[in-house]
Amino acid sequence: MKNALLALLLPLSPGLLWASECPEAPDHSAQINRLIAEIRVAPNEGQARELSSRMWEFWADAPDEQAQAILDRGMSRRSSWDLLGALDDFNRLVAYCPDYAEGYNQRAFVNYLRQDFAAALVDLDRALELSPTHVAAMSGRALSLLGLSRIDEAREELQQALELNPWLPERGLVAPGGPLEPKGKDI
């Protein structure tokens, strides 16, 4: 608890040496893979949304209290559109826990909102390197590629994400008339 309070109260810079090293992130891959199997056969959007929320609980489970406090504060700042404050928090989180996928995913989301799609892609690539089935990072990557007008790559990335979770809100992008509608379907 003491570390969590210090993380909230001290104005830290990304280069500051931490009193301790970030522990390894919890391995929730088995639970997430089970949820992916369930969501792929979910009978309706409501059940899929519940399963997706459970995935987020695992993704947002930071390695320790200090990392959790930084993550939570960054997400709160992002939700209130304090994008620079959120970016600062996620920079700190990535510096402290460089092997925690959600730090990169959240920083990518802030960069996406800032329309810095190239920076978002760098972080999403790292998030997916650390967590290959992170469906939210996959869909974020598709959206960032779309933002860069890299349509074919965006379509392919979103199709891969939809194979894991066919209920993603972004599924409308590949529907008839959507900007990522599969080639040959617009005739």
Protein backbone atom coordinates (compact mmCIF):
# COMPACT_ATOMS: atom_id res chain seq x y z
CA MET A 1 0.00 0.00 0.00
CA LYS A 2 2.86 2.36 0.84
CA ASN A 3 4.34 1.97 -2.67
CA ALA A 4 0.96 2.63 -4.25
CA LEU A 5 0.60 5.86 -2.29
CA LEU A 6 4.11 6.96 -3.22
CA ALA A 7 3.41 6.29 -6.89
CA LEU A 8 0.35 8.52 -6.67
CA LEU A 9 1.93 11.33 -4.70
CA LEU A 10 5.43 11.71 -6.10
CA PRO A 11 5.87 13.65 -9.32
CA LEU A 12 8.07 11.09 -11.05
CA SER A 13 9.83 11.44 -14.36
CA PRO A 14 10.12 8.47 -16.74
CA GLY A 15 13.88 8.26 -16.18
CA LEU A 16 13.74 8.18 -12.37
CA LEU A 17 15.23 5.08 -10.81
CA TRP A 18 12.62 3.09 -8.93
CA ALA A 19 13.21 1.82 -5.42
CA SER A 20 12.47 -1.70 -6.64
CA GLU A 21 12.20 -3.51 -9.93
CA CYS A 22 8.89 -4.42 -11.43
CA PRO A 23 8.07 -8.07 -10.82
CA GLU A 24 7.00 -10.32 -13.66
CA ALA A 25 3.42 -9.71 -14.83
CA PRO A 26 0.90 -12.34 -13.75
CA ASP A 27 0.42 -15.05 -16.37
CA HIS A 28 -3.28 -15.12 -17.16
CA SER A 29 -2.85 -16.70 -20.59
CA ALA A 30 -4.76 -19.89 -19.69
CA GLN A 31 -7.75 -17.90 -18.39
CA ILE A 32 -7.70 -15.55 -21.37
CA ASN A 33 -7.48 -18.46 -23.82
CA ARG A 34 -10.47 -20.05 -22.09
CA LEU A 35 -12.42 -16.80 -22.36
CA ILE A 36 -11.48 -16.50 -26.05
CA ALA A 37 -12.82 -20.01 -26.64
CA GLU A 38 -16.06 -19.04 -24.88
CA ILE A 39 -16.49 -15.71 -26.68
CA ARG A 40 -16.01 -17.35 -30.08
CA VAL A 41 -19.20 -19.35 -29.49
CA ALA A 42 -21.11 -16.79 -27.43
CA PRO A 43 -24.78 -16.84 -28.47
CA ASN A 44 -25.33 -13.09 -28.16
CA GLU A 45 -23.66 -9.75 -27.73
CA GLY A 46 -24.60 -9.45 -24.06
CA GLN A 47 -22.79 -12.63 -23.12
CA ALA A 48 -19.84 -11.64 -25.30
CA ARG A 49 -19.62 -8.28 -23.53
CA GLU A 50 -19.49 -10.03 -20.15
CA LEU A 51 -16.69 -12.32 -21.36
CA SER A 52 -14.82 -9.33 -22.79
CA SER A 53 -15.07 -7.55 -19.43
CA ARG A 54 -13.53 -10.58 -17.76
CA MET A 55 -10.64 -10.45 -20.25
CA TRP A 56 -10.06 -6.81 -19.34
CA GLU A 57 -9.82 -7.76 -15.67
CA PHE A 58 -6.90 -10.04 -16.52
CA TRP A 59 -5.19 -7.60 -18.91
CA ALA A 60 -5.46 -4.80 -16.35
CA ASP A 61 -3.97 -6.89 -13.54
CA ALA A 62 -0.65 -5.09 -13.10
CA PRO A 63 2.47 -6.79 -11.73
CA ASP A 64 2.41 -5.03 -8.34
CA GLU A 65 0.64 -2.30 -6.38
CA GLN A 66 2.91 0.44 -7.68
CA ALA A 67 2.26 -0.53 -11.32
CA GLN A 68 -1.46 -0.93 -10.60
CA ALA A 69 -1.65 2.58 -9.14
CA ILE A 70 0.08 4.05 -12.20
CA LEU A 71 -2.14 2.07 -14.58
CA ASP A 72 -5.33 3.04 -12.78
CA ARG A 73 -4.37 6.71 -12.61
CA GLY A 74 -3.44 6.75 -16.30
CA MET A 75 -6.72 5.12 -17.28
CA SER A 76 -8.64 7.60 -15.14
CA ARG A 77 -6.80 10.52 -16.73
CA ARG A 78 -7.47 9.12 -20.20
CA SER A 79 -11.17 8.74 -19.39
CA SER A 80 -11.31 12.40 -18.39
CA TRP A 81 -9.42 13.38 -21.58
CA ASP A 82 -6.26 14.42 -19.75
CA LEU A 83 -4.29 12.78 -22.54
CA LEU A 84 -0.95 14.35 -21.68
CA GLY A 85 -1.29 13.30 -18.03
CA ALA A 86 -2.30 9.80 -19.12
CA LEU A 87 0.60 9.63 -21.54
CA ASP A 88 2.97 10.64 -18.73
CA ASP A 89 1.58 7.87 -16.50
CA PHE A 90 1.85 5.23 -19.20
CA ASN A 91 5.39 6.34 -20.00
CA ARG A 92 6.19 5.76 -16.33
CA LEU A 93 4.46 2.40 -16.35
CA VAL A 94 6.37 1.21 -19.43
CA ALA A 95 9.64 2.45 -17.95
CA TYR A 96 8.95 0.65 -14.67
CA CYS A 97 7.41 -2.54 -16.15
CA PRO A 98 8.81 -2.97 -19.68
CA ASP A 99 7.46 -6.52 -19.94
CA TYR A 100 3.84 -5.68 -19.02
CA ALA A 101 1.72 -5.67 -22.20
CA GLU A 102 -1.08 -3.48 -20.89
CA GLY A 103 1.27 -0.55 -20.29
CA TYR A 104 2.00 -0.49 -24.02
CA ASN A 105 -1.62 -1.08 -24.98
CA GLN A 106 -2.84 1.81 -22.84
CA ARG A 107 -0.13 4.16 -24.09
CA ALA A 108 -1.09 3.16 -27.64
CA PHE A 109 -4.72 4.01 -26.91
CA VAL A 110 -3.73 7.49 -25.74
CA ASN A 111 -1.60 7.98 -28.85
CA TYR A 112 -4.49 6.76 -30.99
CA LEU A 113 -6.78 9.34 -29.37
CA ARG A 114 -4.10 11.97 -30.06
CA GLN A 115 -4.12 10.71 -33.69
CA ASP A 116 -0.47 9.73 -33.45
CA PHE A 117 -1.16 6.44 -35.20
CA ALA A 118 2.50 5.64 -35.94
CA ALA A 119 3.41 5.85 -32.23
CA ALA A 120 0.35 3.76 -31.37
CA LEU A 121 1.51 1.04 -33.78
CA VAL A 122 4.93 0.79 -32.16
CA ASP A 123 3.35 0.20 -28.75
CA LEU A 124 0.70 -2.17 -30.10
CA ASP A 125 3.38 -4.26 -31.76
CA ARG A 126 5.18 -4.54 -28.40
CA ALA A 127 1.93 -5.33 -26.55
CA LEU A 128 1.21 -8.13 -29.02
CA GLU A 129 4.76 -9.42 -28.78
CA LEU A 130 4.20 -9.78 -25.03
CA SER A 131 0.57 -10.94 -25.26
CA PRO A 132 -0.17 -12.44 -28.70
CA THR A 133 -3.88 -12.99 -28.04
CA HIS A 134 -4.56 -9.48 -26.72
CA VAL A 135 -7.65 -8.94 -28.85
CA ALA A 136 -8.01 -5.29 -27.84
CA ALA A 137 -4.45 -4.57 -28.96
CA MET A 138 -5.17 -6.34 -32.24
CA SER A 139 -8.27 -4.23 -32.89
CA GLY A 140 -6.37 -1.11 -31.81
CA ARG A 141 -3.69 -2.00 -34.31
CA ALA A 142 -6.34 -2.34 -37.04
CA LEU A 143 -7.76 1.08 -36.13
CA SER A 144 -4.30 2.66 -36.15
CA LEU A 145 -3.54 1.15 -39.55
CA LEU A 146 -6.88 2.51 -40.78
CA GLY A 147 -5.89 5.92 -39.42
CA LEU A 148 -2.73 5.69 -41.53
CA SER A 149 -4.83 4.69 -44.59
CA ARG A 150 -3.13 1.29 -44.70
CA ILE A 151 -6.45 -0.32 -45.57
CA ASP A 152 -5.35 -3.82 -46.60
CA GLU A 153 -3.22 -4.25 -43.47
CA ALA A 154 -6.02 -2.88 -41.28
CA ARG A 155 -8.51 -5.30 -42.83
CA GLU A 156 -6.18 -8.25 -42.28
CA GLU A 157 -5.45 -7.28 -38.66
CA LEU A 158 -9.13 -6.81 -37.85
CA GLN A 159 -10.00 -10.16 -39.44
CA GLN A 160 -7.41 -11.83 -37.17
CA ALA A 161 -8.91 -10.12 -34.13
CA LEU A 162 -12.43 -11.15 -35.18
CA GLU A 163 -11.31 -14.77 -35.43
CA LEU A 164 -10.60 -14.58 -31.70
CA ASN A 165 -13.60 -12.41 -30.81
CA PRO A 166 -16.33 -12.15 -33.47
CA TRP A 167 -18.27 -9.74 -31.22
CA LEU A 168 -15.76 -6.88 -31.25
CA PRO A 169 -17.48 -3.50 -31.66
CA GLU A 170 -15.16 -2.84 -34.62
CA ARG A 171 -16.78 -5.70 -36.56
CA GLY A 172 -18.93 -3.13 -38.36
CA LEU A 173 -15.82 -1.89 -40.15
CA VAL A 174 -15.69 -5.11 -42.20
CA ALA A 175 -19.45 -5.27 -42.75
CA PRO A 176 -20.89 -4.45 -46.20
CA GLY A 177 -20.32 -0.77 -46.83
CA GLY A 178 -17.73 -0.51 -44.04
CA PRO A 179 -14.31 1.02 -44.74
CA LEU A 180 -12.64 -2.38 -44.30
CA GLU A 181 -15.20 -4.42 -46.21
CA PRO A 182 -13.38 -7.39 -47.78
CA LYS A 183 -12.31 -6.86 -51.37
CA GLY A 184 -14.73 -8.14 -53.99
CA LYS A 185 -17.71 -7.77 -51.66
CA ASP A 186 -18.60 -4.27 -52.83
CA ILE A 187 -19.84 -5.34 -56.27
